[in-house]
Amino acid sequence: MSQLSEQYSSCQEPKRGKKPTKHKKEPVNIHFKPNNG
């Protein structure tokens, strides 16, 4: 679970500063959704 949290934080960092990466956030959420469920 720690690894997922770390990767999520690292992936969100660059995404937060980039606005055109909105479409990239969608697939990222889907990947974490099934992992959490």
PDB file of N, CA and C in Angstrom:
ATOM      1  N   MET A   1       0.843  -1.207   0.000  1.00  0.00           N
ATOM      2  CA  MET A   1       0.000   0.000   0.000  1.00  0.00           C
ATOM      3  C   MET A   1       0.882   1.264   0.000  1.00  0.00           C
ATOM      4  N   SER A   2       2.034   1.117   0.620  1.00  0.00           N
ATOM      5  CA  SER A   2       2.962   2.250   0.707  1.00  0.00           C
ATOM      6  C   SER A   2       3.457   2.631  -0.696  1.00  0.00           C
ATOM      7  N   GLN A   3       3.713   1.604  -1.486  1.00  0.00           N
ATOM      8  CA  GLN A   3       4.228   1.856  -2.838  1.00  0.00           C
ATOM      9  C   GLN A   3       3.188   2.610  -3.672  1.00  0.00           C
ATOM     10  N   LEU A   4       1.936   2.243  -3.501  1.00  0.00           N
ATOM     11  CA  LEU A   4       0.867   2.880  -4.275  1.00  0.00           C
ATOM     12  C   LEU A   4       0.753   4.350  -3.893  1.00  0.00           C
ATOM     13  N   SER A   5       0.858   4.616  -2.618  1.00  0.00           N
ATOM     14  CA  SER A   5       0.745   5.989  -2.119  1.00  0.00           C
ATOM     15  C   SER A   5       1.910   6.832  -2.650  1.00  0.00           C
ATOM     16  N   GLU A   6       3.079   6.226  -2.661  1.00  0.00           N
ATOM     17  CA  GLU A   6       4.271   6.953  -3.123  1.00  0.00           C
ATOM     18  C   GLU A   6       4.153   7.278  -4.610  1.00  0.00           C
ATOM     19  N   GLN A   7       3.743   6.290  -5.384  1.00  0.00           N
ATOM     20  CA  GLN A   7       3.618   6.497  -6.828  1.00  0.00           C
ATOM     21  C   GLN A   7       2.522   7.528  -7.122  1.00  0.00           C
ATOM     22  N   TYR A   8       1.465   7.485  -6.361  1.00  0.00           N
ATOM     23  CA  TYR A   8       0.340   8.392  -6.583  1.00  0.00           C
ATOM     24  C   TYR A   8       0.771   9.840  -6.326  1.00  0.00           C
ATOM     25  N   SER A   9       1.541  10.029  -5.251  1.00  0.00           N
ATOM     26  CA  SER A   9       2.035  11.357  -4.875  1.00  0.00           C
ATOM     27  C   SER A   9       2.992  11.873  -5.952  1.00  0.00           C
ATOM     28  N   SER A  10       3.831  10.997  -6.437  1.00  0.00           N
ATOM     29  CA  SER A  10       4.837  11.376  -7.437  1.00  0.00           C
ATOM     30  C   SER A  10       4.143  11.708  -8.761  1.00  0.00           C
ATOM     31  N   CYS A  11       3.094  10.974  -9.051  1.00  0.00           N
ATOM     32  CA  CYS A  11       2.370  11.185 -10.313  1.00  0.00           C
ATOM     33  C   CYS A  11       1.511  12.449 -10.235  1.00  0.00           C
ATOM     34  N   GLN A  12       1.031  12.747  -9.057  1.00  0.00           N
ATOM     35  CA  GLN A  12       0.160  13.926  -8.892  1.00  0.00           C
ATOM     36  C   GLN A  12       0.981  15.213  -8.912  1.00  0.00           C
ATOM     37  N   GLU A  13       2.208  15.141  -8.440  1.00  0.00           N
ATOM     38  CA  GLU A  13       3.068  16.334  -8.373  1.00  0.00           C
ATOM     39  C   GLU A  13       3.162  17.037  -9.732  1.00  0.00           C
ATOM     40  N   PRO A  14       3.645  16.340 -10.747  1.00  0.00           N
ATOM     41  CA  PRO A  14       3.800  16.948 -12.070  1.00  0.00           C
ATOM     42  C   PRO A  14       2.454  17.256 -12.717  1.00  0.00           C
ATOM     43  N   LYS A  15       1.453  16.462 -12.410  1.00  0.00           N
ATOM     44  CA  LYS A  15       0.133  16.664 -13.000  1.00  0.00           C
ATOM     45  C   LYS A  15      -0.499  17.957 -12.474  1.00  0.00           C
ATOM     46  N   ARG A  16      -0.214  18.249 -11.233  1.00  0.00           N
ATOM     47  CA  ARG A  16      -0.822  19.432 -10.602  1.00  0.00           C
ATOM     48  C   ARG A  16      -0.359  20.704 -11.333  1.00  0.00           C
ATOM     49  N   GLY A  17       0.907  20.732 -11.715  1.00  0.00           N
ATOM     50  CA  GLY A  17       1.456  21.931 -12.362  1.00  0.00           C
ATOM     51  C   GLY A  17       1.050  21.991 -13.834  1.00  0.00           C
ATOM     52  N   LYS A  18       0.756  20.845 -14.387  1.00  0.00           N
ATOM     53  CA  LYS A  18       0.369  20.803 -15.808  1.00  0.00           C
ATOM     54  C   LYS A  18      -1.153  20.768 -15.945  1.00  0.00           C
ATOM     55  N   LYS A  19      -1.676  21.686 -16.723  1.00  0.00           N
ATOM     56  CA  LYS A  19      -3.145  21.728 -16.881  1.00  0.00           C
ATOM     57  C   LYS A  19      -3.617  20.791 -18.003  1.00  0.00           C
ATOM     58  N   PRO A  20      -2.882  20.719 -19.079  1.00  0.00           N
ATOM     59  CA  PRO A  20      -3.287  19.858 -20.206  1.00  0.00           C
ATOM     60  C   PRO A  20      -3.176  18.375 -19.869  1.00  0.00           C
ATOM     61  N   THR A  21      -2.748  18.076 -18.656  1.00  0.00           N
ATOM     62  CA  THR A  21      -2.585  16.662 -18.273  1.00  0.00           C
ATOM     63  C   THR A  21      -3.876  16.139 -17.642  1.00  0.00           C
ATOM     64  N   LYS A  22      -4.950  16.900 -17.799  1.00  0.00           N
ATOM     65  CA  LYS A  22      -6.222  16.473 -17.184  1.00  0.00           C
ATOM     66  C   LYS A  22      -6.614  15.077 -17.689  1.00  0.00           C
ATOM     67  N   HIS A  23      -6.441  14.867 -18.962  1.00  0.00           N
ATOM     68  CA  HIS A  23      -6.817  13.558 -19.540  1.00  0.00           C
ATOM     69  C   HIS A  23      -5.919  12.462 -18.970  1.00  0.00           C
ATOM     70  N   LYS A  24      -4.760  12.843 -18.481  1.00  0.00           N
ATOM     71  CA  LYS A  24      -3.835  11.828 -17.929  1.00  0.00           C
ATOM     72  C   LYS A  24      -4.281  11.432 -16.523  1.00  0.00           C
ATOM     73  N   LYS A  25      -4.964  12.328 -15.867  1.00  0.00           N
ATOM     74  CA  LYS A  25      -5.404  12.044 -14.485  1.00  0.00           C
ATOM     75  C   LYS A  25      -6.513  10.977 -14.501  1.00  0.00           C
ATOM     76  N   GLU A  26      -7.277  10.949 -15.566  1.00  0.00           N
ATOM     77  CA  GLU A  26      -8.385   9.971 -15.659  1.00  0.00           C
ATOM     78  C   GLU A  26      -7.877   8.529 -15.576  1.00  0.00           C
ATOM     79  N   PRO A  27      -6.947   8.162 -16.432  1.00  0.00           N
ATOM     80  CA  PRO A  27      -6.413   6.790 -16.425  1.00  0.00           C
ATOM     81  C   PRO A  27      -5.705   6.471 -15.115  1.00  0.00           C
ATOM     82  N   VAL A  28      -5.105   7.462 -14.529  1.00  0.00           N
ATOM     83  CA  VAL A  28      -4.380   7.251 -13.257  1.00  0.00           C
ATOM     84  C   VAL A  28      -5.370   6.882 -12.158  1.00  0.00           C
ATOM     85  N   ASN A  29      -6.505   7.555 -12.147  1.00  0.00           N
ATOM     86  CA  ASN A  29      -7.522   7.276 -11.126  1.00  0.00           C
ATOM     87  C   ASN A  29      -8.099   5.880 -11.324  1.00  0.00           C
ATOM     88  N   ILE A  30      -8.311   5.513 -12.550  1.00  0.00           N
ATOM     89  CA  ILE A  30      -8.883   4.196 -12.867  1.00  0.00           C
ATOM     90  C   ILE A  30      -7.931   3.089 -12.413  1.00  0.00           C
ATOM     91  N   HIS A  31      -6.653   3.359 -12.524  1.00  0.00           N
ATOM     92  CA  HIS A  31      -5.654   2.340 -12.157  1.00  0.00           C
ATOM     93  C   HIS A  31      -5.631   2.146 -10.642  1.00  0.00           C
ATOM     94  N   PHE A  32      -5.890   3.221  -9.922  1.00  0.00           N
ATOM     95  CA  PHE A  32      -5.850   3.148  -8.454  1.00  0.00           C
ATOM     96  C   PHE A  32      -7.193   2.697  -7.880  1.00  0.00           C
ATOM     97  N   LYS A  33      -8.243   2.945  -8.628  1.00  0.00           N
ATOM     98  CA  LYS A  33      -9.592   2.571  -8.144  1.00  0.00           C
ATOM     99  C   LYS A  33      -9.712   1.065  -7.909  1.00  0.00           C
ATOM    100  N   PRO A  34      -9.378   0.255  -8.897  1.00  0.00           N
ATOM    101  CA  PRO A  34      -9.483  -1.203  -8.759  1.00  0.00           C
ATOM    102  C   PRO A  34      -8.511  -1.731  -7.706  1.00  0.00           C
ATOM    103  N   ASN A  35      -7.400  -1.056  -7.562  1.00  0.00           N
ATOM    104  CA  ASN A  35      -6.395  -1.496  -6.587  1.00  0.00           C
ATOM    105  C   ASN A  35      -6.909  -1.273  -5.167  1.00  0.00           C
ATOM    106  N   ASN A  36      -7.640  -0.189  -5.005  1.00  0.00           N
ATOM    107  CA  ASN A  36      -8.154   0.141  -3.665  1.00  0.00           C
ATOM    108  C   ASN A  36      -9.384  -0.704  -3.344  1.00  0.00           C
ATOM    109  N   GLY A  37     -10.226  -0.892  -4.367  1.00  0.00           N
ATOM    110  CA  GLY A  37     -11.472  -1.631  -4.160  1.00  0.00           C
ATOM    111  C   GLY A  37     -11.180  -3.071  -3.815  1.00  0.00           C
TER     112      GLY A  37
END
